[in-house]
Amino acid sequence: MQAREHREGPHFYLYDSDRIAKIESGHFQSEWWAQQNKILGEAHGRGAVSFLDAGENGWVLRHFRRGGLVANVITDHYLWLGVEKSRAFREWQLLAKLSELALPVPIPIAAHVKRSGLSYQADLITARIPNSQTLAEHLHKQRLPASQWQELGKLIARFHNAGVYHHDLNAHNIMLGIDDALWLIDFDKGR
């Protein structure tokens, strides 16, 4: 992984130059990917996530959106405290560190922050976990065997023992992949 930073006016980028040769704002716009016929699908939660036909197993594009009551007033703007304190840059850097520790997390591809006065908007691209579904999706269809629950406990213990804090650990942020491999996603506000 080769981390690079780039700035163009109000746009700040942090990306893996081994995976993206030249970063541009279009990488963070679903419309840009749609024009190239590269959107494989979307998932809806607090905000839409686009699955992209890029990289080895595909990429996931997520625009940062607020939750809670404040989301009724401010949907996707955050207080500007500097690019290094932005949610996108912090999550990218955390995922890079967790990947180095061989913890099962999505590989960070690129982060984008657009400053606008005292606020900013942000986006994050990660590698897609192939043939995966959330634990919530899996449990909606079938039960999880006791042995898999034990594996999940061991996985959470691995993160805990590494000193990792996941701010929003729930069944939507645990993925089951190939051969029932377990992954944790969405480390926004994690540390």
N, C-alpha and C. Protein backbone atom coordinates (compact mmCIF):
# COMPACT_ATOMS: atom_id res chain seq x y z
N MET A 1 0.85 -1.17 0.00
CA MET A 1 0.00 0.00 0.00
C MET A 1 0.90 1.24 0.00
N GLN A 2 0.63 2.13 -0.92
CA GLN A 2 1.41 3.35 -1.06
C GLN A 2 0.48 4.55 -0.84
N ALA A 3 0.45 5.09 0.38
CA ALA A 3 -0.43 6.21 0.72
C ALA A 3 0.08 7.50 0.11
N ARG A 4 -0.84 8.19 -0.58
CA ARG A 4 -0.51 9.49 -1.18
C ARG A 4 -1.60 10.48 -0.82
N GLU A 5 -1.20 11.73 -0.62
CA GLU A 5 -2.16 12.81 -0.41
C GLU A 5 -2.07 13.78 -1.57
N HIS A 6 -3.21 14.36 -1.91
CA HIS A 6 -3.28 15.31 -3.01
C HIS A 6 -4.36 16.34 -2.69
N ARG A 7 -4.15 17.56 -3.14
CA ARG A 7 -5.14 18.61 -2.92
C ARG A 7 -5.38 19.37 -4.21
N GLU A 8 -6.66 19.64 -4.49
CA GLU A 8 -7.07 20.49 -5.61
C GLU A 8 -8.12 21.45 -5.08
N GLY A 9 -7.73 22.69 -4.81
CA GLY A 9 -8.67 23.67 -4.26
C GLY A 9 -9.25 23.17 -2.95
N PRO A 10 -10.61 23.08 -2.87
CA PRO A 10 -11.24 22.65 -1.62
C PRO A 10 -11.27 21.12 -1.45
N HIS A 11 -10.74 20.37 -2.44
CA HIS A 11 -10.77 18.91 -2.41
C HIS A 11 -9.46 18.35 -1.88
N PHE A 12 -9.56 17.47 -0.89
CA PHE A 12 -8.41 16.78 -0.31
C PHE A 12 -8.57 15.29 -0.55
N TYR A 13 -7.49 14.64 -0.96
CA TYR A 13 -7.54 13.20 -1.26
C TYR A 13 -6.45 12.47 -0.51
N LEU A 14 -6.76 11.28 -0.06
CA LEU A 14 -5.80 10.34 0.50
C LEU A 14 -6.10 9.02 -0.19
N TYR A 15 -5.09 8.44 -0.84
CA TYR A 15 -5.38 7.25 -1.64
C TYR A 15 -4.17 6.34 -1.74
N ASP A 16 -4.44 5.11 -2.14
CA ASP A 16 -3.40 4.11 -2.36
C ASP A 16 -2.99 4.20 -3.82
N SER A 17 -1.82 4.76 -4.09
CA SER A 17 -1.38 4.95 -5.47
C SER A 17 -1.03 3.63 -6.16
N ASP A 18 -0.95 2.54 -5.41
CA ASP A 18 -0.80 1.23 -6.04
C ASP A 18 -2.10 0.80 -6.72
N ARG A 19 -3.24 1.36 -6.27
CA ARG A 19 -4.55 0.98 -6.81
C ARG A 19 -5.18 2.06 -7.70
N ILE A 20 -4.81 3.31 -7.47
CA ILE A 20 -5.32 4.42 -8.28
C ILE A 20 -4.12 5.24 -8.74
N ALA A 21 -3.90 5.28 -10.04
CA ALA A 21 -2.75 6.01 -10.58
C ALA A 21 -2.95 7.52 -10.47
N LYS A 22 -4.15 8.00 -10.82
CA LYS A 22 -4.44 9.44 -10.78
C LYS A 22 -5.81 9.63 -10.15
N ILE A 23 -5.85 10.29 -9.02
CA ILE A 23 -7.11 10.51 -8.30
C ILE A 23 -7.83 11.71 -8.89
N GLU A 24 -9.16 11.64 -8.90
CA GLU A 24 -9.98 12.76 -9.36
C GLU A 24 -11.32 12.73 -8.65
N SER A 25 -12.01 13.86 -8.67
CA SER A 25 -13.27 13.97 -7.94
C SER A 25 -14.31 12.97 -8.43
N GLY A 26 -14.25 12.60 -9.70
CA GLY A 26 -15.21 11.64 -10.24
C GLY A 26 -15.19 10.30 -9.52
N HIS A 27 -14.05 9.92 -8.98
CA HIS A 27 -13.97 8.66 -8.25
C HIS A 27 -14.97 8.60 -7.09
N PHE A 28 -15.42 9.75 -6.62
CA PHE A 28 -16.30 9.82 -5.45
C PHE A 28 -17.73 10.22 -5.80
N GLN A 29 -18.09 10.11 -7.07
CA GLN A 29 -19.43 10.46 -7.54
C GLN A 29 -20.06 9.27 -8.23
N SER A 30 -21.19 8.81 -7.70
CA SER A 30 -21.89 7.67 -8.31
C SER A 30 -22.23 7.95 -9.76
N GLU A 31 -22.56 9.20 -10.08
CA GLU A 31 -22.93 9.56 -11.45
C GLU A 31 -21.76 9.30 -12.41
N TRP A 32 -20.55 9.59 -11.97
CA TRP A 32 -19.35 9.38 -12.78
C TRP A 32 -19.19 7.90 -13.10
N TRP A 33 -19.38 7.05 -12.08
CA TRP A 33 -19.28 5.60 -12.28
C TRP A 33 -20.44 5.11 -13.16
N ALA A 34 -21.63 5.67 -12.99
CA ALA A 34 -22.79 5.27 -13.79
C ALA A 34 -22.57 5.58 -15.27
N GLN A 35 -21.96 6.73 -15.56
CA GLN A 35 -21.68 7.09 -16.96
C GLN A 35 -20.74 6.09 -17.62
N GLN A 36 -19.93 5.44 -16.82
CA GLN A 36 -19.00 4.42 -17.34
C GLN A 36 -19.60 3.02 -17.25
N ASN A 37 -20.87 2.95 -16.82
CA ASN A 37 -21.55 1.67 -16.65
C ASN A 37 -20.79 0.75 -15.69
N LYS A 38 -20.33 1.31 -14.57
CA LYS A 38 -19.49 0.58 -13.61
C LYS A 38 -20.14 0.42 -12.24
N ILE A 39 -21.43 0.70 -12.11
CA ILE A 39 -22.11 0.49 -10.84
C ILE A 39 -22.75 -0.89 -10.88
N LEU A 40 -22.35 -1.74 -9.95
CA LEU A 40 -22.86 -3.11 -9.89
C LEU A 40 -24.12 -3.21 -9.04
N GLY A 41 -24.33 -2.26 -8.15
CA GLY A 41 -25.49 -2.28 -7.27
C GLY A 41 -25.34 -1.26 -6.17
N GLU A 42 -26.36 -1.19 -5.34
CA GLU A 42 -26.35 -0.25 -4.22
C GLU A 42 -26.95 -0.92 -3.00
N ALA A 43 -26.57 -0.43 -1.84
CA ALA A 43 -27.16 -0.85 -0.58
C ALA A 43 -27.64 0.41 0.11
N HIS A 44 -28.77 0.33 0.76
CA HIS A 44 -29.32 1.50 1.41
C HIS A 44 -29.39 1.28 2.92
N GLY A 45 -28.93 2.25 3.63
CA GLY A 45 -29.00 2.29 5.08
C GLY A 45 -29.20 3.75 5.42
N ARG A 46 -28.35 4.26 6.29
CA ARG A 46 -28.40 5.69 6.58
C ARG A 46 -28.12 6.48 5.30
N GLY A 47 -27.23 5.97 4.48
CA GLY A 47 -26.91 6.58 3.20
C GLY A 47 -26.67 5.49 2.18
N ALA A 48 -26.77 5.83 0.93
CA ALA A 48 -26.56 4.84 -0.12
C ALA A 48 -25.07 4.50 -0.23
N VAL A 49 -24.81 3.25 -0.49
CA VAL A 49 -23.47 2.75 -0.74
C VAL A 49 -23.51 2.18 -2.15
N SER A 50 -22.53 2.54 -2.98
CA SER A 50 -22.47 2.04 -4.34
C SER A 50 -21.38 0.98 -4.45
N PHE A 51 -21.72 -0.13 -5.10
CA PHE A 51 -20.76 -1.19 -5.38
C PHE A 51 -20.25 -0.96 -6.79
N LEU A 52 -18.93 -0.85 -6.93
CA LEU A 52 -18.32 -0.43 -8.18
C LEU A 52 -17.54 -1.56 -8.85
N ASP A 53 -17.59 -1.57 -10.17
CA ASP A 53 -16.81 -2.51 -10.97
C ASP A 53 -15.42 -1.92 -11.16
N ALA A 54 -14.57 -2.13 -10.16
CA ALA A 54 -13.21 -1.61 -10.17
C ALA A 54 -12.36 -2.50 -9.27
N GLY A 55 -11.08 -2.53 -9.52
CA GLY A 55 -10.20 -3.34 -8.68
C GLY A 55 -10.45 -4.83 -8.89
N GLU A 56 -9.77 -5.64 -8.10
CA GLU A 56 -9.85 -7.09 -8.26
C GLU A 56 -11.23 -7.66 -7.95
N ASN A 57 -11.81 -7.29 -6.82
CA ASN A 57 -13.13 -7.81 -6.41
C ASN A 57 -14.21 -6.73 -6.38
N GLY A 58 -13.88 -5.56 -6.87
CA GLY A 58 -14.81 -4.44 -6.83
C GLY A 58 -14.51 -3.53 -5.66
N TRP A 59 -15.08 -2.36 -5.72
CA TRP A 59 -14.91 -1.36 -4.68
C TRP A 59 -16.26 -0.96 -4.13
N VAL A 60 -16.24 -0.34 -2.96
CA VAL A 60 -17.43 0.18 -2.31
C VAL A 60 -17.24 1.67 -2.09
N LEU A 61 -18.17 2.48 -2.58
CA LEU A 61 -18.14 3.93 -2.40
C LEU A 61 -19.20 4.32 -1.38
N ARG A 62 -18.76 4.99 -0.32
CA ARG A 62 -19.69 5.43 0.74
C ARG A 62 -19.54 6.92 0.98
N HIS A 63 -20.65 7.62 0.92
CA HIS A 63 -20.68 9.05 1.27
C HIS A 63 -21.04 9.13 2.75
N PHE A 64 -20.30 9.92 3.50
CA PHE A 64 -20.56 10.05 4.93
C PHE A 64 -21.85 10.85 5.15
N ARG A 65 -22.75 10.27 5.92
CA ARG A 65 -24.02 10.92 6.26
C ARG A 65 -24.21 10.87 7.76
N ARG A 66 -24.86 11.88 8.25
CA ARG A 66 -25.13 11.97 9.69
C ARG A 66 -26.25 11.03 10.09
N GLY A 67 -26.23 10.63 11.34
CA GLY A 67 -27.30 9.86 11.92
C GLY A 67 -27.93 10.65 13.06
N GLY A 68 -28.90 10.06 13.70
CA GLY A 68 -29.54 10.70 14.85
C GLY A 68 -30.41 11.87 14.48
N LEU A 69 -30.78 12.63 15.48
CA LEU A 69 -31.69 13.76 15.29
C LEU A 69 -31.09 14.88 14.44
N VAL A 70 -29.78 15.08 14.56
CA VAL A 70 -29.15 16.16 13.79
C VAL A 70 -29.27 15.93 12.28
N ALA A 71 -29.43 14.68 11.86
CA ALA A 71 -29.56 14.36 10.44
C ALA A 71 -30.82 14.97 9.83
N ASN A 72 -31.80 15.31 10.66
CA ASN A 72 -33.00 15.97 10.15
C ASN A 72 -32.73 17.40 9.70
N VAL A 73 -31.63 17.97 10.19
CA VAL A 73 -31.29 19.35 9.87
C VAL A 73 -30.05 19.42 8.96
N ILE A 74 -29.03 18.63 9.32
CA ILE A 74 -27.76 18.62 8.59
C ILE A 74 -27.49 17.18 8.14
N THR A 75 -27.60 16.92 6.85
CA THR A 75 -27.50 15.54 6.38
C THR A 75 -26.08 15.03 6.22
N ASP A 76 -25.18 15.85 5.65
CA ASP A 76 -23.86 15.31 5.33
C ASP A 76 -22.71 16.31 5.50
N HIS A 77 -22.89 17.31 6.32
CA HIS A 77 -21.82 18.27 6.59
C HIS A 77 -21.31 18.07 8.02
N TYR A 78 -19.99 18.25 8.17
CA TYR A 78 -19.33 18.09 9.46
C TYR A 78 -18.47 19.32 9.72
N LEU A 79 -18.22 19.61 10.98
CA LEU A 79 -17.42 20.76 11.37
C LEU A 79 -15.97 20.56 10.93
N TRP A 80 -15.42 21.54 10.22
CA TRP A 80 -14.04 21.49 9.74
C TRP A 80 -13.07 21.76 10.89
N LEU A 81 -12.23 20.78 11.19
CA LEU A 81 -11.18 20.92 12.19
C LEU A 81 -9.82 20.59 11.59
N GLY A 82 -9.77 20.52 10.27
CA GLY A 82 -8.55 20.14 9.55
C GLY A 82 -8.75 18.80 8.87
N VAL A 83 -8.06 18.61 7.77
CA VAL A 83 -8.25 17.40 6.98
C VAL A 83 -7.85 16.14 7.74
N GLU A 84 -6.82 16.22 8.57
CA GLU A 84 -6.37 15.03 9.32
C GLU A 84 -7.39 14.57 10.36
N LYS A 85 -8.29 15.47 10.76
CA LYS A 85 -9.32 15.11 11.73
C LYS A 85 -10.65 14.78 11.05
N SER A 86 -10.67 14.80 9.73
CA SER A 86 -11.91 14.47 9.02
C SER A 86 -12.22 12.99 9.16
N ARG A 87 -13.48 12.66 9.11
CA ARG A 87 -13.91 11.27 9.27
C ARG A 87 -13.31 10.37 8.20
N ALA A 88 -13.29 10.83 6.96
CA ALA A 88 -12.79 10.00 5.87
C ALA A 88 -11.31 9.70 6.01
N PHE A 89 -10.50 10.71 6.32
CA PHE A 89 -9.06 10.49 6.46
C PHE A 89 -8.77 9.61 7.67
N ARG A 90 -9.48 9.85 8.76
CA ARG A 90 -9.23 9.03 9.97
C ARG A 90 -9.61 7.58 9.73
N GLU A 91 -10.74 7.32 9.07
CA GLU A 91 -11.14 5.93 8.81
C GLU A 91 -10.17 5.27 7.84
N TRP A 92 -9.74 6.00 6.79
CA TRP A 92 -8.79 5.43 5.83
C TRP A 92 -7.51 5.01 6.55
N GLN A 93 -6.99 5.90 7.39
CA GLN A 93 -5.75 5.60 8.10
C GLN A 93 -5.91 4.44 9.08
N LEU A 94 -7.05 4.38 9.75
CA LEU A 94 -7.30 3.27 10.67
C LEU A 94 -7.38 1.95 9.90
N LEU A 95 -8.11 1.93 8.79
CA LEU A 95 -8.20 0.70 7.99
C LEU A 95 -6.83 0.27 7.47
N ALA A 96 -6.00 1.22 7.08
CA ALA A 96 -4.65 0.89 6.61
C ALA A 96 -3.85 0.23 7.74
N LYS A 97 -3.95 0.78 8.95
CA LYS A 97 -3.23 0.22 10.09
C LYS A 97 -3.75 -1.18 10.44
N LEU A 98 -5.08 -1.34 10.44
CA LEU A 98 -5.66 -2.65 10.75
C LEU A 98 -5.30 -3.68 9.69
N SER A 99 -5.21 -3.26 8.43
CA SER A 99 -4.79 -4.16 7.36
C SER A 99 -3.35 -4.62 7.59
N GLU A 100 -2.49 -3.68 8.01
CA GLU A 100 -1.10 -4.03 8.33
C GLU A 100 -1.02 -5.06 9.45
N LEU A 101 -1.98 -5.00 10.38
CA LEU A 101 -2.02 -5.95 11.50
C LEU A 101 -2.68 -7.27 11.12
N ALA A 102 -3.05 -7.41 9.83
CA ALA A 102 -3.70 -8.61 9.30
C ALA A 102 -5.05 -8.88 9.95
N LEU A 103 -5.74 -7.81 10.34
CA LEU A 103 -7.10 -7.95 10.85
C LEU A 103 -8.06 -7.89 9.66
N PRO A 104 -9.13 -8.69 9.69
CA PRO A 104 -10.05 -8.75 8.55
C PRO A 104 -10.96 -7.53 8.44
N VAL A 105 -10.47 -6.54 7.68
CA VAL A 105 -11.19 -5.30 7.40
C VAL A 105 -11.07 -5.03 5.91
N PRO A 106 -11.96 -4.20 5.37
CA PRO A 106 -11.81 -3.84 3.96
C PRO A 106 -10.53 -3.02 3.75
N ILE A 107 -9.88 -3.25 2.63
CA ILE A 107 -8.67 -2.50 2.30
C ILE A 107 -9.08 -1.09 1.87
N PRO A 108 -8.46 -0.05 2.46
CA PRO A 108 -8.81 1.32 2.06
C PRO A 108 -8.23 1.63 0.68
N ILE A 109 -9.04 2.22 -0.17
CA ILE A 109 -8.60 2.60 -1.51
C ILE A 109 -8.36 4.11 -1.56
N ALA A 110 -9.40 4.89 -1.21
CA ALA A 110 -9.26 6.35 -1.31
C ALA A 110 -10.25 7.05 -0.39
N ALA A 111 -9.83 8.22 0.09
CA ALA A 111 -10.69 9.08 0.91
C ALA A 111 -10.74 10.45 0.26
N HIS A 112 -11.88 11.10 0.39
CA HIS A 112 -12.09 12.42 -0.21
C HIS A 112 -12.77 13.32 0.80
N VAL A 113 -12.27 14.54 0.91
CA VAL A 113 -12.87 15.55 1.77
C VAL A 113 -13.01 16.83 0.95
N LYS A 114 -14.20 17.40 0.97
CA LYS A 114 -14.43 18.67 0.28
C LYS A 114 -14.78 19.72 1.33
N ARG A 115 -13.88 20.68 1.49
CA ARG A 115 -14.09 21.74 2.47
C ARG A 115 -14.97 22.83 1.89
N SER A 116 -15.85 23.34 2.74
CA SER A 116 -16.72 24.46 2.37
C SER A 116 -16.84 25.37 3.59
N GLY A 117 -15.95 26.35 3.69
CA GLY A 117 -15.96 27.25 4.85
C GLY A 117 -15.65 26.52 6.13
N LEU A 118 -16.60 26.55 7.07
CA LEU A 118 -16.40 25.91 8.37
C LEU A 118 -16.88 24.46 8.40
N SER A 119 -17.26 23.91 7.25
CA SER A 119 -17.74 22.53 7.22
C SER A 119 -17.08 21.76 6.08
N TYR A 120 -17.33 20.45 6.07
CA TYR A 120 -16.81 19.61 5.00
C TYR A 120 -17.78 18.46 4.75
N GLN A 121 -17.64 17.86 3.57
CA GLN A 121 -18.33 16.62 3.21
C GLN A 121 -17.25 15.59 2.92
N ALA A 122 -17.58 14.31 3.04
CA ALA A 122 -16.55 13.29 2.89
C ALA A 122 -17.08 12.02 2.25
N ASP A 123 -16.14 11.29 1.64
CA ASP A 123 -16.43 10.01 0.98
C ASP A 123 -15.27 9.07 1.23
N LEU A 124 -15.56 7.78 1.15
CA LEU A 124 -14.54 6.76 1.34
C LEU A 124 -14.78 5.63 0.34
N ILE A 125 -13.70 5.17 -0.27
CA ILE A 125 -13.75 3.99 -1.14
C ILE A 125 -12.90 2.91 -0.49
N THR A 126 -13.48 1.71 -0.37
CA THR A 126 -12.75 0.55 0.14
C THR A 126 -12.89 -0.59 -0.84
N ALA A 127 -12.04 -1.58 -0.70
CA ALA A 127 -12.17 -2.79 -1.50
C ALA A 127 -13.41 -3.55 -1.02
N ARG A 128 -14.10 -4.16 -1.94
CA ARG A 128 -15.29 -4.95 -1.60
C ARG A 128 -14.86 -6.31 -1.09
N ILE A 129 -15.55 -6.80 -0.08
CA ILE A 129 -15.31 -8.14 0.44
C ILE A 129 -16.07 -9.09 -0.49
N PRO A 130 -15.37 -9.96 -1.22
CA PRO A 130 -16.05 -10.78 -2.23
C PRO A 130 -17.06 -11.75 -1.64
N ASN A 131 -18.15 -11.93 -2.39
CA ASN A 131 -19.20 -12.90 -2.04
C ASN A 131 -19.58 -12.81 -0.57
N SER A 132 -19.91 -11.62 -0.13
CA SER A 132 -20.21 -11.43 1.28
C SER A 132 -21.61 -10.88 1.48
N GLN A 133 -22.06 -11.01 2.70
CA GLN A 133 -23.33 -10.43 3.13
C GLN A 133 -23.19 -10.05 4.60
N THR A 134 -24.02 -9.12 5.04
CA THR A 134 -23.93 -8.73 6.45
C THR A 134 -24.48 -9.86 7.32
N LEU A 135 -24.08 -9.86 8.56
CA LEU A 135 -24.61 -10.83 9.52
C LEU A 135 -26.12 -10.66 9.62
N ALA A 136 -26.59 -9.42 9.57
CA ALA A 136 -28.04 -9.15 9.64
C ALA A 136 -28.76 -9.81 8.47
N GLU A 137 -28.21 -9.69 7.26
CA GLU A 137 -28.83 -10.33 6.08
C GLU A 137 -28.84 -11.84 6.24
N HIS A 138 -27.74 -12.39 6.72
CA HIS A 138 -27.64 -13.84 6.91
C HIS A 138 -28.67 -14.33 7.92
N LEU A 139 -28.78 -13.62 9.05
CA LEU A 139 -29.71 -14.04 10.11
C LEU A 139 -31.16 -13.90 9.68
N HIS A 140 -31.42 -13.03 8.73
CA HIS A 140 -32.78 -12.90 8.21
C HIS A 140 -33.20 -14.15 7.43
N LYS A 141 -32.21 -14.84 6.84
CA LYS A 141 -32.48 -16.03 6.03
C LYS A 141 -32.33 -17.34 6.80
N GLN A 142 -31.32 -17.38 7.67
CA GLN A 142 -31.04 -18.62 8.39
C GLN A 142 -30.28 -18.35 9.67
N ARG A 143 -30.25 -19.37 10.52
CA ARG A 143 -29.54 -19.25 11.79
C ARG A 143 -28.04 -19.37 11.58
N LEU A 144 -27.32 -18.87 12.53
CA LEU A 144 -25.87 -19.01 12.52
C LEU A 144 -25.52 -20.14 13.48
N PRO A 145 -24.74 -21.11 13.05
CA PRO A 145 -24.38 -22.22 13.95
C PRO A 145 -23.57 -21.73 15.15
N ALA A 146 -23.64 -22.48 16.23
CA ALA A 146 -22.92 -22.12 17.46
C ALA A 146 -21.44 -21.94 17.20
N SER A 147 -20.86 -22.78 16.35
CA SER A 147 -19.43 -22.66 16.06
C SER A 147 -19.09 -21.32 15.41
N GLN A 148 -20.01 -20.81 14.59
CA GLN A 148 -19.79 -19.51 13.94
C GLN A 148 -19.90 -18.37 14.95
N TRP A 149 -20.82 -18.49 15.91
CA TRP A 149 -20.91 -17.49 16.98
C TRP A 149 -19.61 -17.47 17.78
N GLN A 150 -19.03 -18.65 18.02
CA GLN A 150 -17.76 -18.72 18.74
C GLN A 150 -16.64 -18.06 17.94
N GLU A 151 -16.63 -18.28 16.63
CA GLU A 151 -15.64 -17.64 15.77
C GLU A 151 -15.79 -16.12 15.80
N LEU A 152 -17.04 -15.67 15.82
CA LEU A 152 -17.29 -14.22 15.90
C LEU A 152 -16.75 -13.66 17.21
N GLY A 153 -16.96 -14.37 18.30
CA GLY A 153 -16.41 -13.94 19.59
C GLY A 153 -14.90 -13.86 19.56
N LYS A 154 -14.26 -14.83 18.93
CA LYS A 154 -12.80 -14.83 18.80
C LYS A 154 -12.33 -13.64 17.95
N LEU A 155 -13.08 -13.35 16.89
CA LEU A 155 -12.73 -12.23 16.03
C LEU A 155 -12.81 -10.91 16.80
N ILE A 156 -13.88 -10.72 17.52
CA ILE A 156 -14.03 -9.48 18.30
C ILE A 156 -12.92 -9.39 19.35
N ALA A 157 -12.55 -10.52 19.94
CA ALA A 157 -11.45 -10.55 20.91
C ALA A 157 -10.12 -10.15 20.25
N ARG A 158 -9.90 -10.59 19.01
CA ARG A 158 -8.67 -10.20 18.28
C ARG A 158 -8.58 -8.68 18.14
N PHE A 159 -9.70 -8.06 17.77
CA PHE A 159 -9.72 -6.61 17.63
C PHE A 159 -9.51 -5.95 19.00
N HIS A 160 -10.20 -6.47 20.00
CA HIS A 160 -10.08 -5.92 21.35
C HIS A 160 -8.63 -6.02 21.85
N ASN A 161 -8.00 -7.18 21.65
CA ASN A 161 -6.62 -7.38 22.10
C ASN A 161 -5.63 -6.48 21.35
N ALA A 162 -6.00 -6.07 20.14
CA ALA A 162 -5.15 -5.14 19.37
C ALA A 162 -5.42 -3.69 19.77
N GLY A 163 -6.35 -3.47 20.71
CA GLY A 163 -6.65 -2.13 21.18
C GLY A 163 -7.58 -1.36 20.28
N VAL A 164 -8.35 -2.06 19.45
CA VAL A 164 -9.23 -1.41 18.48
C VAL A 164 -10.60 -1.17 19.11
N TYR A 165 -11.11 0.05 18.89
CA TYR A 165 -12.45 0.41 19.33
C TYR A 165 -13.31 0.63 18.09
N HIS A 166 -14.38 -0.14 17.97
CA HIS A 166 -15.34 0.01 16.87
C HIS A 166 -16.56 0.73 17.44
N HIS A 167 -16.81 1.93 16.95
CA HIS A 167 -17.86 2.78 17.51
C HIS A 167 -19.27 2.24 17.30
N ASP A 168 -19.48 1.41 16.28
CA ASP A 168 -20.83 0.99 15.91
C ASP A 168 -20.87 -0.49 15.55
N LEU A 169 -20.39 -1.33 16.44
CA LEU A 169 -20.35 -2.77 16.17
C LEU A 169 -21.76 -3.35 16.30
N ASN A 170 -22.32 -3.78 15.19
CA ASN A 170 -23.64 -4.39 15.16
C ASN A 170 -23.71 -5.37 14.00
N ALA A 171 -24.81 -6.05 13.84
CA ALA A 171 -24.95 -7.10 12.83
C ALA A 171 -24.87 -6.58 11.40
N HIS A 172 -25.03 -5.27 11.20
CA HIS A 172 -24.90 -4.70 9.86
C HIS A 172 -23.44 -4.38 9.52
N ASN A 173 -22.57 -4.37 10.52
CA ASN A 173 -21.16 -4.06 10.31
C ASN A 173 -20.24 -5.27 10.50
N ILE A 174 -20.86 -6.44 10.49
CA ILE A 174 -20.12 -7.71 10.51
C ILE A 174 -20.48 -8.42 9.21
N MET A 175 -19.47 -8.80 8.45
CA MET A 175 -19.70 -9.44 7.16
C MET A 175 -19.29 -10.90 7.22
N LEU A 176 -20.05 -11.74 6.51
CA LEU A 176 -19.70 -13.14 6.30
C LEU A 176 -19.30 -13.28 4.85
N GLY A 177 -18.08 -13.76 4.63
CA GLY A 177 -17.56 -13.89 3.28
C GLY A 177 -17.42 -15.34 2.87
N ILE A 178 -16.51 -15.55 1.92
CA ILE A 178 -16.25 -16.89 1.40
C ILE A 178 -15.82 -17.80 2.53
N ASP A 179 -16.31 -19.05 2.51
CA ASP A 179 -15.99 -20.05 3.54
C ASP A 179 -16.31 -19.55 4.94
N ASP A 180 -17.37 -18.76 5.05
CA ASP A 180 -17.84 -18.22 6.33
C ASP A 180 -16.80 -17.35 7.05
N ALA A 181 -15.87 -16.79 6.30
CA ALA A 181 -14.90 -15.87 6.90
C ALA A 181 -15.64 -14.65 7.44
N LEU A 182 -15.20 -14.14 8.57
CA LEU A 182 -15.82 -13.00 9.21
C LEU A 182 -14.96 -11.75 9.06
N TRP A 183 -15.61 -10.62 8.82
CA TRP A 183 -14.95 -9.34 8.62
C TRP A 183 -15.71 -8.28 9.41
N LEU A 184 -15.01 -7.23 9.82
CA LEU A 184 -15.65 -6.06 10.40
C LEU A 184 -15.51 -4.90 9.43
N ILE A 185 -16.59 -4.10 9.28
CA ILE A 185 -16.59 -2.96 8.38
C ILE A 185 -17.08 -1.72 9.13
N ASP A 186 -17.02 -0.59 8.46
CA ASP A 186 -17.54 0.69 8.94
C ASP A 186 -16.88 1.13 10.25
N PHE A 187 -15.67 1.61 10.12
CA PHE A 187 -14.91 2.06 11.29
C PHE A 187 -14.99 3.56 11.48
N ASP A 188 -16.05 4.18 10.96
CA ASP A 188 -16.27 5.62 11.18
C ASP A 188 -16.32 5.87 12.69
N LYS A 189 -15.56 6.80 13.15
CA LYS A 189 -15.42 7.17 14.56
C LYS A 189 -14.73 6.09 15.40
N GLY A 190 -14.15 5.10 14.74
CA GLY A 190 -13.38 4.09 15.46
C GLY A 190 -11.99 4.60 15.77
N ARG A 191 -11.29 3.85 16.58
CA ARG A 191 -9.90 4.19 16.88
C ARG A 191 -9.16 2.93 17.35
